[in-house]
Amino acid sequence: MNYVPTNFWEWTEPLKPDDRAGLLFALIAATVGVIAIVATTVHHMHRNRLENSLKRELLDRGMTAAEIATVMARPKRGIMCGPKSDKT
């Protein structure tokens, strides 16, 4: 009867140490990639939700679609925290 490894490290016993390092690096890189994709997707979903709620609020205030398009087309700037200081 053949022995079947029960955990990950038993599967890697036949590998050389350099091969194990490469495998570990590939697993870490894949994990980081998946996390980055999920985080980017969540960020875009949140931003779209905020833009949609802003559009609905502007419609509730009585703005036309053309006015809303003008407002949404303006360049977006970051929010400043704290008072504006002069650097002269």
PDB file of N, CA and C in Angstrom:
ATOM      1  N   MET A   1       0.844  -1.175   0.000  1.00  0.00           N
ATOM      2  CA  MET A   1       0.000   0.000   0.000  1.00  0.00           C
ATOM      3  C   MET A   1       0.891   1.241   0.000  1.00  0.00           C
ATOM      4  N   ASN A   2       0.501   2.226  -0.770  1.00  0.00           N
ATOM      5  CA  ASN A   2       1.291   3.455  -0.892  1.00  0.00           C
ATOM      6  C   ASN A   2       0.962   4.415   0.240  1.00  0.00           C
ATOM      7  N   TYR A   3       1.998   5.146   0.675  1.00  0.00           N
ATOM      8  CA  TYR A   3       1.809   6.150   1.721  1.00  0.00           C
ATOM      9  C   TYR A   3       1.456   7.490   1.070  1.00  0.00           C
ATOM     10  N   VAL A   4       0.406   8.121   1.554  1.00  0.00           N
ATOM     11  CA  VAL A   4      -0.013   9.421   1.051  1.00  0.00           C
ATOM     12  C   VAL A   4       0.286  10.466   2.118  1.00  0.00           C
ATOM     13  N   PRO A   5       1.101  11.497   1.799  1.00  0.00           N
ATOM     14  CA  PRO A   5       1.415  12.536   2.782  1.00  0.00           C
ATOM     15  C   PRO A   5       0.143  13.233   3.257  1.00  0.00           C
ATOM     16  N   THR A   6       0.126  13.573   4.539  1.00  0.00           N
ATOM     17  CA  THR A   6      -1.070  14.188   5.111  1.00  0.00           C
ATOM     18  C   THR A   6      -0.941  15.688   5.300  1.00  0.00           C
ATOM     19  N   ASN A   7       0.285  16.228   5.265  1.00  0.00           N
ATOM     20  CA  ASN A   7       0.408  17.676   5.386  1.00  0.00           C
ATOM     21  C   ASN A   7       1.360  18.211   4.321  1.00  0.00           C
ATOM     22  N   PHE A   8       1.412  19.531   4.205  1.00  0.00           N
ATOM     23  CA  PHE A   8       2.166  20.178   3.139  1.00  0.00           C
ATOM     24  C   PHE A   8       3.652  19.857   3.207  1.00  0.00           C
ATOM     25  N   TRP A   9       4.234  19.870   4.393  1.00  0.00           N
ATOM     26  CA  TRP A   9       5.679  19.676   4.518  1.00  0.00           C
ATOM     27  C   TRP A   9       6.095  18.262   4.138  1.00  0.00           C
ATOM     28  N   GLU A  10       5.215  17.291   4.317  1.00  0.00           N
ATOM     29  CA  GLU A  10       5.531  15.939   3.866  1.00  0.00           C
ATOM     30  C   GLU A  10       5.553  15.858   2.344  1.00  0.00           C
ATOM     31  N   TRP A  11       4.740  16.683   1.689  1.00  0.00           N
ATOM     32  CA  TRP A  11       4.745  16.725   0.228  1.00  0.00           C
ATOM     33  C   TRP A  11       6.055  17.303  -0.291  1.00  0.00           C
ATOM     34  N   THR A  12       6.655  18.209   0.477  1.00  0.00           N
ATOM     35  CA  THR A  12       7.858  18.894   0.001  1.00  0.00           C
ATOM     36  C   THR A  12       9.150  18.197   0.409  1.00  0.00           C
ATOM     37  N   GLU A  13       9.084  17.103   1.151  1.00  0.00           N
ATOM     38  CA  GLU A  13      10.297  16.399   1.575  1.00  0.00           C
ATOM     39  C   GLU A  13      11.183  15.972   0.405  1.00  0.00           C
ATOM     40  N   PRO A  14      10.633  15.499  -0.713  1.00  0.00           N
ATOM     41  CA  PRO A  14      11.518  15.095  -1.824  1.00  0.00           C
ATOM     42  C   PRO A  14      12.196  16.277  -2.524  1.00  0.00           C
ATOM     43  N   LEU A  15      11.749  17.500  -2.279  1.00  0.00           N
ATOM     44  CA  LEU A  15      12.318  18.671  -2.943  1.00  0.00           C
ATOM     45  C   LEU A  15      13.627  19.094  -2.288  1.00  0.00           C
ATOM     46  N   LYS A  16      14.489  19.702  -3.094  1.00  0.00           N
ATOM     47  CA  LYS A  16      15.720  20.267  -2.579  1.00  0.00           C
ATOM     48  C   LYS A  16      15.388  21.576  -1.857  1.00  0.00           C
ATOM     49  N   PRO A  17      16.264  22.052  -0.966  1.00  0.00           N
ATOM     50  CA  PRO A  17      15.991  23.313  -0.259  1.00  0.00           C
ATOM     51  C   PRO A  17      15.784  24.503  -1.197  1.00  0.00           C
ATOM     52  N   ASP A  18      16.538  24.563  -2.288  1.00  0.00           N
ATOM     53  CA  ASP A  18      16.347  25.663  -3.243  1.00  0.00           C
ATOM     54  C   ASP A  18      14.968  25.590  -3.898  1.00  0.00           C
ATOM     55  N   ASP A  19      14.530  24.377  -4.181  1.00  0.00           N
ATOM     56  CA  ASP A  19      13.206  24.209  -4.780  1.00  0.00           C
ATOM     57  C   ASP A  19      12.110  24.599  -3.787  1.00  0.00           C
ATOM     58  N   ARG A  20      12.319  24.295  -2.523  1.00  0.00           N
ATOM     59  CA  ARG A  20      11.349  24.685  -1.498  1.00  0.00           C
ATOM     60  C   ARG A  20      11.254  26.197  -1.390  1.00  0.00           C
ATOM     61  N   ALA A  21      12.400  26.872  -1.461  1.00  0.00           N
ATOM     62  CA  ALA A  21      12.393  28.331  -1.389  1.00  0.00           C
ATOM     63  C   ALA A  21      11.645  28.917  -2.575  1.00  0.00           C
ATOM     64  N   GLY A  22      11.856  28.355  -3.744  1.00  0.00           N
ATOM     65  CA  GLY A  22      11.144  28.822  -4.934  1.00  0.00           C
ATOM     66  C   GLY A  22       9.648  28.597  -4.824  1.00  0.00           C
ATOM     67  N   LEU A  23       9.276  27.438  -4.308  1.00  0.00           N
ATOM     68  CA  LEU A  23       7.856  27.134  -4.116  1.00  0.00           C
ATOM     69  C   LEU A  23       7.228  28.090  -3.104  1.00  0.00           C
ATOM     70  N   LEU A  24       7.939  28.339  -2.019  1.00  0.00           N
ATOM     71  CA  LEU A  24       7.430  29.261  -1.009  1.00  0.00           C
ATOM     72  C   LEU A  24       7.289  30.670  -1.575  1.00  0.00           C
ATOM     73  N   PHE A  25       8.276  31.107  -2.353  1.00  0.00           N
ATOM     74  CA  PHE A  25       8.197  32.427  -2.979  1.00  0.00           C
ATOM     75  C   PHE A  25       7.003  32.514  -3.925  1.00  0.00           C
ATOM     76  N   ALA A  26       6.780  31.470  -4.715  1.00  0.00           N
ATOM     77  CA  ALA A  26       5.647  31.462  -5.644  1.00  0.00           C
ATOM     78  C   ALA A  26       4.321  31.516  -4.892  1.00  0.00           C
ATOM     79  N   LEU A  27       4.216  30.790  -3.787  1.00  0.00           N
ATOM     80  CA  LEU A  27       2.983  30.815  -2.990  1.00  0.00           C
ATOM     81  C   LEU A  27       2.740  32.194  -2.384  1.00  0.00           C
ATOM     82  N   ILE A  28       3.802  32.813  -1.881  1.00  0.00           N
ATOM     83  CA  ILE A  28       3.662  34.156  -1.299  1.00  0.00           C
ATOM     84  C   ILE A  28       3.285  35.158  -2.378  1.00  0.00           C
ATOM     85  N   ALA A  29       3.920  35.075  -3.543  1.00  0.00           N
ATOM     86  CA  ALA A  29       3.606  35.998  -4.638  1.00  0.00           C
ATOM     87  C   ALA A  29       2.152  35.831  -5.099  1.00  0.00           C
ATOM     88  N   ALA A  30       1.696  34.600  -5.191  1.00  0.00           N
ATOM     89  CA  ALA A  30       0.308  34.358  -5.600  1.00  0.00           C
ATOM     90  C   ALA A  30      -0.669  34.901  -4.563  1.00  0.00           C
ATOM     91  N   THR A  31      -0.349  34.736  -3.287  1.00  0.00           N
ATOM     92  CA  THR A  31      -1.209  35.246  -2.223  1.00  0.00           C
ATOM     93  C   THR A  31      -1.290  36.766  -2.256  1.00  0.00           C
ATOM     94  N   VAL A  32      -0.142  37.405  -2.426  1.00  0.00           N
ATOM     95  CA  VAL A  32      -0.120  38.874  -2.504  1.00  0.00           C
ATOM     96  C   VAL A  32      -0.908  39.343  -3.726  1.00  0.00           C
ATOM     97  N   GLY A  33      -0.774  38.655  -4.838  1.00  0.00           N
ATOM     98  CA  GLY A  33      -1.521  39.016  -6.043  1.00  0.00           C
ATOM     99  C   GLY A  33      -3.025  38.918  -5.848  1.00  0.00           C
ATOM    100  N   VAL A  34      -3.468  37.846  -5.219  1.00  0.00           N
ATOM    101  CA  VAL A  34      -4.906  37.668  -4.973  1.00  0.00           C
ATOM    102  C   VAL A  34      -5.423  38.748  -4.027  1.00  0.00           C
ATOM    103  N   ILE A  35      -4.656  39.062  -2.989  1.00  0.00           N
ATOM    104  CA  ILE A  35      -5.065  40.106  -2.048  1.00  0.00           C
ATOM    105  C   ILE A  35      -5.145  41.454  -2.757  1.00  0.00           C
ATOM    106  N   ALA A  36      -4.189  41.742  -3.636  1.00  0.00           N
ATOM    107  CA  ALA A  36      -4.202  43.009  -4.370  1.00  0.00           C
ATOM    108  C   ALA A  36      -5.425  43.107  -5.282  1.00  0.00           C
ATOM    109  N   ILE A  37      -5.768  42.021  -5.948  1.00  0.00           N
ATOM    110  CA  ILE A  37      -6.939  42.026  -6.832  1.00  0.00           C
ATOM    111  C   ILE A  37      -8.211  42.247  -6.030  1.00  0.00           C
ATOM    112  N   VAL A  38      -8.348  41.566  -4.914  1.00  0.00           N
ATOM    113  CA  VAL A  38      -9.544  41.725  -4.074  1.00  0.00           C
ATOM    114  C   VAL A  38      -9.633  43.145  -3.522  1.00  0.00           C
ATOM    115  N   ALA A  39      -8.511  43.693  -3.049  1.00  0.00           N
ATOM    116  CA  ALA A  39      -8.522  45.048  -2.493  1.00  0.00           C
ATOM    117  C   ALA A  39      -8.871  46.077  -3.558  1.00  0.00           C
ATOM    118  N   THR A  40      -8.341  45.916  -4.766  1.00  0.00           N
ATOM    119  CA  THR A  40      -8.653  46.848  -5.859  1.00  0.00           C
ATOM    120  C   THR A  40     -10.129  46.768  -6.230  1.00  0.00           C
ATOM    121  N   THR A  41     -10.667  45.565  -6.275  1.00  0.00           N
ATOM    122  CA  THR A  41     -12.084  45.397  -6.604  1.00  0.00           C
ATOM    123  C   THR A  41     -12.971  46.046  -5.549  1.00  0.00           C
ATOM    124  N   VAL A  42     -12.661  45.850  -4.287  1.00  0.00           N
ATOM    125  CA  VAL A  42     -13.441  46.448  -3.209  1.00  0.00           C
ATOM    126  C   VAL A  42     -13.344  47.966  -3.280  1.00  0.00           C
ATOM    127  N   HIS A  43     -12.156  48.491  -3.572  1.00  0.00           N
ATOM    128  CA  HIS A  43     -11.975  49.947  -3.680  1.00  0.00           C
ATOM    129  C   HIS A  43     -12.838  50.524  -4.800  1.00  0.00           C
ATOM    130  N   HIS A  44     -12.832  49.884  -5.972  1.00  0.00           N
ATOM    131  CA  HIS A  44     -13.630  50.372  -7.092  1.00  0.00           C
ATOM    132  C   HIS A  44     -15.129  50.280  -6.803  1.00  0.00           C
ATOM    133  N   MET A  45     -15.551  49.210  -6.144  1.00  0.00           N
ATOM    134  CA  MET A  45     -16.961  49.083  -5.794  1.00  0.00           C
ATOM    135  C   MET A  45     -17.381  50.188  -4.834  1.00  0.00           C
ATOM    136  N   HIS A  46     -16.550  50.478  -3.852  1.00  0.00           N
ATOM    137  CA  HIS A  46     -16.861  51.534  -2.881  1.00  0.00           C
ATOM    138  C   HIS A  46     -16.917  52.896  -3.564  1.00  0.00           C
ATOM    139  N   ARG A  47     -15.941  53.176  -4.439  1.00  0.00           N
ATOM    140  CA  ARG A  47     -15.924  54.461  -5.137  1.00  0.00           C
ATOM    141  C   ARG A  47     -17.165  54.615  -6.025  1.00  0.00           C
ATOM    142  N   ASN A  48     -17.555  53.550  -6.730  1.00  0.00           N
ATOM    143  CA  ASN A  48     -18.754  53.613  -7.572  1.00  0.00           C
ATOM    144  C   ASN A  48     -20.000  53.830  -6.724  1.00  0.00           C
ATOM    145  N   ARG A  49     -20.065  53.197  -5.556  1.00  0.00           N
ATOM    146  CA  ARG A  49     -21.213  53.375  -4.673  1.00  0.00           C
ATOM    147  C   ARG A  49     -21.303  54.824  -4.201  1.00  0.00           C
ATOM    148  N   LEU A  50     -20.165  55.420  -3.869  1.00  0.00           N
ATOM    149  CA  LEU A  50     -20.155  56.820  -3.439  1.00  0.00           C
ATOM    150  C   LEU A  50     -20.578  57.755  -4.569  1.00  0.00           C
ATOM    151  N   GLU A  51     -20.076  57.509  -5.783  1.00  0.00           N
ATOM    152  CA  GLU A  51     -20.460  58.343  -6.918  1.00  0.00           C
ATOM    153  C   GLU A  51     -21.953  58.224  -7.210  1.00  0.00           C
ATOM    154  N   ASN A  52     -22.500  57.016  -7.117  1.00  0.00           N
ATOM    155  CA  ASN A  52     -23.928  56.828  -7.357  1.00  0.00           C
ATOM    156  C   ASN A  52     -24.768  57.543  -6.300  1.00  0.00           C
ATOM    157  N   SER A  53     -24.340  57.492  -5.041  1.00  0.00           N
ATOM    158  CA  SER A  53     -25.104  58.181  -4.002  1.00  0.00           C
ATOM    159  C   SER A  53     -25.014  59.694  -4.188  1.00  0.00           C
ATOM    160  N   LEU A  54     -23.867  60.194  -4.652  1.00  0.00           N
ATOM    161  CA  LEU A  54     -23.753  61.628  -4.929  1.00  0.00           C
ATOM    162  C   LEU A  54     -24.678  62.024  -6.070  1.00  0.00           C
ATOM    163  N   LYS A  55     -24.734  61.227  -7.107  1.00  0.00           N
ATOM    164  CA  LYS A  55     -25.624  61.522  -8.238  1.00  0.00           C
ATOM    165  C   LYS A  55     -27.085  61.520  -7.795  1.00  0.00           C
ATOM    166  N   ARG A  56     -27.467  60.567  -6.964  1.00  0.00           N
ATOM    167  CA  ARG A  56     -28.849  60.529  -6.474  1.00  0.00           C
ATOM    168  C   ARG A  56     -29.171  61.758  -5.620  1.00  0.00           C
ATOM    169  N   GLU A  57     -28.209  62.160  -4.802  1.00  0.00           N
ATOM    170  CA  GLU A  57     -28.418  63.346  -3.971  1.00  0.00           C
ATOM    171  C   GLU A  57     -28.564  64.592  -4.833  1.00  0.00           C
ATOM    172  N   LEU A  58     -27.760  64.703  -5.873  1.00  0.00           N
ATOM    173  CA  LEU A  58     -27.860  65.855  -6.766  1.00  0.00           C
ATOM    174  C   LEU A  58     -29.193  65.841  -7.520  1.00  0.00           C
ATOM    175  N   LEU A  59     -29.657  64.652  -7.905  1.00  0.00           N
ATOM    176  CA  LEU A  59     -30.974  64.559  -8.551  1.00  0.00           C
ATOM    177  C   LEU A  59     -32.080  64.975  -7.584  1.00  0.00           C
ATOM    178  N   ASP A  60     -31.963  64.567  -6.317  1.00  0.00           N
ATOM    179  CA  ASP A  60     -32.967  64.940  -5.319  1.00  0.00           C
ATOM    180  C   ASP A  60     -32.988  66.443  -5.083  1.00  0.00           C
ATOM    181  N   ARG A  61     -31.864  67.097  -5.272  1.00  0.00           N
ATOM    182  CA  ARG A  61     -31.798  68.561  -5.109  1.00  0.00           C
ATOM    183  C   ARG A  61     -32.348  69.299  -6.320  1.00  0.00           C
ATOM    184  N   GLY A  62     -32.643  68.566  -7.391  1.00  0.00           N
ATOM    185  CA  GLY A  62     -33.276  69.177  -8.553  1.00  0.00           C
ATOM    186  C   GLY A  62     -32.327  69.527  -9.683  1.00  0.00           C
ATOM    187  N   MET A  63     -31.132  69.009  -9.671  1.00  0.00           N
ATOM    188  CA  MET A  63     -30.199  69.295 -10.754  1.00  0.00           C
ATOM    189  C   MET A  63     -30.549  68.448 -11.966  1.00  0.00           C
ATOM    190  N   THR A  64     -30.245  68.979 -13.158  1.00  0.00           N
ATOM    191  CA  THR A  64     -30.490  68.235 -14.385  1.00  0.00           C
ATOM    192  C   THR A  64     -29.330  67.275 -14.639  1.00  0.00           C
ATOM    193  N   ALA A  65     -29.544  66.379 -15.581  1.00  0.00           N
ATOM    194  CA  ALA A  65     -28.501  65.398 -15.915  1.00  0.00           C
ATOM    195  C   ALA A  65     -27.265  66.095 -16.480  1.00  0.00           C
ATOM    196  N   ALA A  66     -27.456  67.148 -17.261  1.00  0.00           N
ATOM    197  CA  ALA A  66     -26.321  67.877 -17.826  1.00  0.00           C
ATOM    198  C   ALA A  66     -25.507  68.555 -16.715  1.00  0.00           C
ATOM    199  N   GLU A  67     -26.196  69.119 -15.723  1.00  0.00           N
ATOM    200  CA  GLU A  67     -25.488  69.764 -14.610  1.00  0.00           C
ATOM    201  C   GLU A  67     -24.712  68.718 -13.790  1.00  0.00           C
ATOM    202  N   ILE A  68     -25.315  67.555 -13.584  1.00  0.00           N
ATOM    203  CA  ILE A  68     -24.643  66.496 -12.839  1.00  0.00           C
ATOM    204  C   ILE A  68     -23.412  66.011 -13.610  1.00  0.00           C
ATOM    205  N   ALA A  69     -23.528  65.888 -14.927  1.00  0.00           N
ATOM    206  CA  ALA A  69     -22.388  65.467 -15.743  1.00  0.00           C
ATOM    207  C   ALA A  69     -21.258  66.485 -15.645  1.00  0.00           C
ATOM    208  N   THR A  70     -21.615  67.784 -15.594  1.00  0.00           N
ATOM    209  CA  THR A  70     -20.598  68.828 -15.453  1.00  0.00           C
ATOM    210  C   THR A  70     -19.894  68.707 -14.104  1.00  0.00           C
ATOM    211  N   VAL A  71     -20.669  68.474 -13.051  1.00  0.00           N
ATOM    212  CA  VAL A  71     -20.089  68.343 -11.712  1.00  0.00           C
ATOM    213  C   VAL A  71     -19.188  67.110 -11.641  1.00  0.00           C
ATOM    214  N   MET A  72     -19.616  66.004 -12.204  1.00  0.00           N
ATOM    215  CA  MET A  72     -18.847  64.766 -12.130  1.00  0.00           C
ATOM    216  C   MET A  72     -17.594  64.814 -13.007  1.00  0.00           C
ATOM    217  N   ALA A  73     -17.580  65.666 -14.040  1.00  0.00           N
ATOM    218  CA  ALA A  73     -16.435  65.747 -14.950  1.00  0.00           C
ATOM    219  C   ALA A  73     -15.318  66.623 -14.398  1.00  0.00           C
ATOM    220  N   ARG A  74     -15.574  67.379 -13.324  1.00  0.00           N
ATOM    221  CA  ARG A  74     -14.534  68.220 -12.745  1.00  0.00           C
ATOM    222  C   ARG A  74     -13.402  67.360 -12.212  1.00  0.00           C
ATOM    223  N   PRO A  75     -12.170  67.889 -12.278  1.00  0.00           N
ATOM    224  CA  PRO A  75     -11.057  67.100 -11.730  1.00  0.00           C
ATOM    225  C   PRO A  75     -11.208  66.897 -10.231  1.00  0.00           C
ATOM    226  N   LYS A  76     -10.878  65.714  -9.780  1.00  0.00           N
ATOM    227  CA  LYS A  76     -11.020  65.387  -8.366  1.00  0.00           C
ATOM    228  C   LYS A  76      -9.724  65.749  -7.642  1.00  0.00           C
ATOM    229  N   ARG A  77      -9.864  66.399  -6.516  1.00  0.00           N
ATOM    230  CA  ARG A  77      -8.708  66.750  -5.698  1.00  0.00           C
ATOM    231  C   ARG A  77      -8.845  66.081  -4.350  1.00  0.00           C
ATOM    232  N   GLY A  78      -7.724  65.841  -3.711  1.00  0.00           N
ATOM    233  CA  GLY A  78      -7.738  65.228  -2.395  1.00  0.00           C
ATOM    234  C   GLY A  78      -8.276  66.191  -1.354  1.00  0.00           C
ATOM    235  N   ILE A  79      -8.771  65.642  -0.269  1.00  0.00           N
ATOM    236  CA  ILE A  79      -9.300  66.445   0.827  1.00  0.00           C
ATOM    237  C   ILE A  79      -8.149  66.856   1.722  1.00  0.00           C
ATOM    238  N   MET A  80      -8.074  68.157   2.004  1.00  0.00           N
ATOM    239  CA  MET A  80      -7.023  68.634   2.888  1.00  0.00           C
ATOM    240  C   MET A  80      -7.465  68.464   4.332  1.00  0.00           C
ATOM    241  N   CYS A  81      -6.569  68.010   5.162  1.00  0.00           N
ATOM    242  CA  CYS A  81      -6.848  67.854   6.572  1.00  0.00           C
ATOM    243  C   CYS A  81      -6.219  69.007   7.322  1.00  0.00           C
ATOM    244  N   GLY A  82      -7.001  69.677   8.128  1.00  0.00           N
ATOM    245  CA  GLY A  82      -6.477  70.769   8.930  1.00  0.00           C
ATOM    246  C   GLY A  82      -6.489  72.084   8.173  1.00  0.00           C
ATOM    247  N   PRO A  83      -6.091  73.144   8.842  1.00  0.00           N
ATOM    248  CA  PRO A  83      -6.118  74.456   8.198  1.00  0.00           C
ATOM    249  C   PRO A  83      -5.027  74.578   7.140  1.00  0.00           C
ATOM    250  N   LYS A  84      -5.288  75.432   6.160  1.00  0.00           N
ATOM    251  CA  LYS A  84      -4.335  75.662   5.105  1.00  0.00           C
ATOM    252  C   LYS A  84      -3.230  76.571   5.660  1.00  0.00           C
ATOM    253  N   SER A  85      -1.987  76.185   5.463  1.00  0.00           N
ATOM    254  CA  SER A  85      -0.887  76.982   6.022  1.00  0.00           C
ATOM    255  C   SER A  85      -0.094  77.626   4.891  1.00  0.00           C
ATOM    256  N   ASP A  86       0.432  78.819   5.162  1.00  0.00           N
ATOM    257  CA  ASP A  86       1.280  79.503   4.192  1.00  0.00           C
ATOM    258  C   ASP A  86       2.704  79.029   4.379  1.00  0.00           C
ATOM    259  N   LYS A  87       3.345  78.683   3.294  1.00  0.00           N
ATOM    260  CA  LYS A  87       4.723  78.212   3.360  1.00  0.00           C
ATOM    261  C   LYS A  87       5.639  79.253   2.751  1.00  0.00           C
ATOM    262  N   THR A  88       5.556  80.481   3.243  1.00  0.00           N
ATOM    263  CA  THR A  88       6.403  81.545   2.712  1.00  0.00           C
ATOM    264  C   THR A  88       7.532  81.843   3.618  1.00  0.00           C
TER     265      THR A  88
END
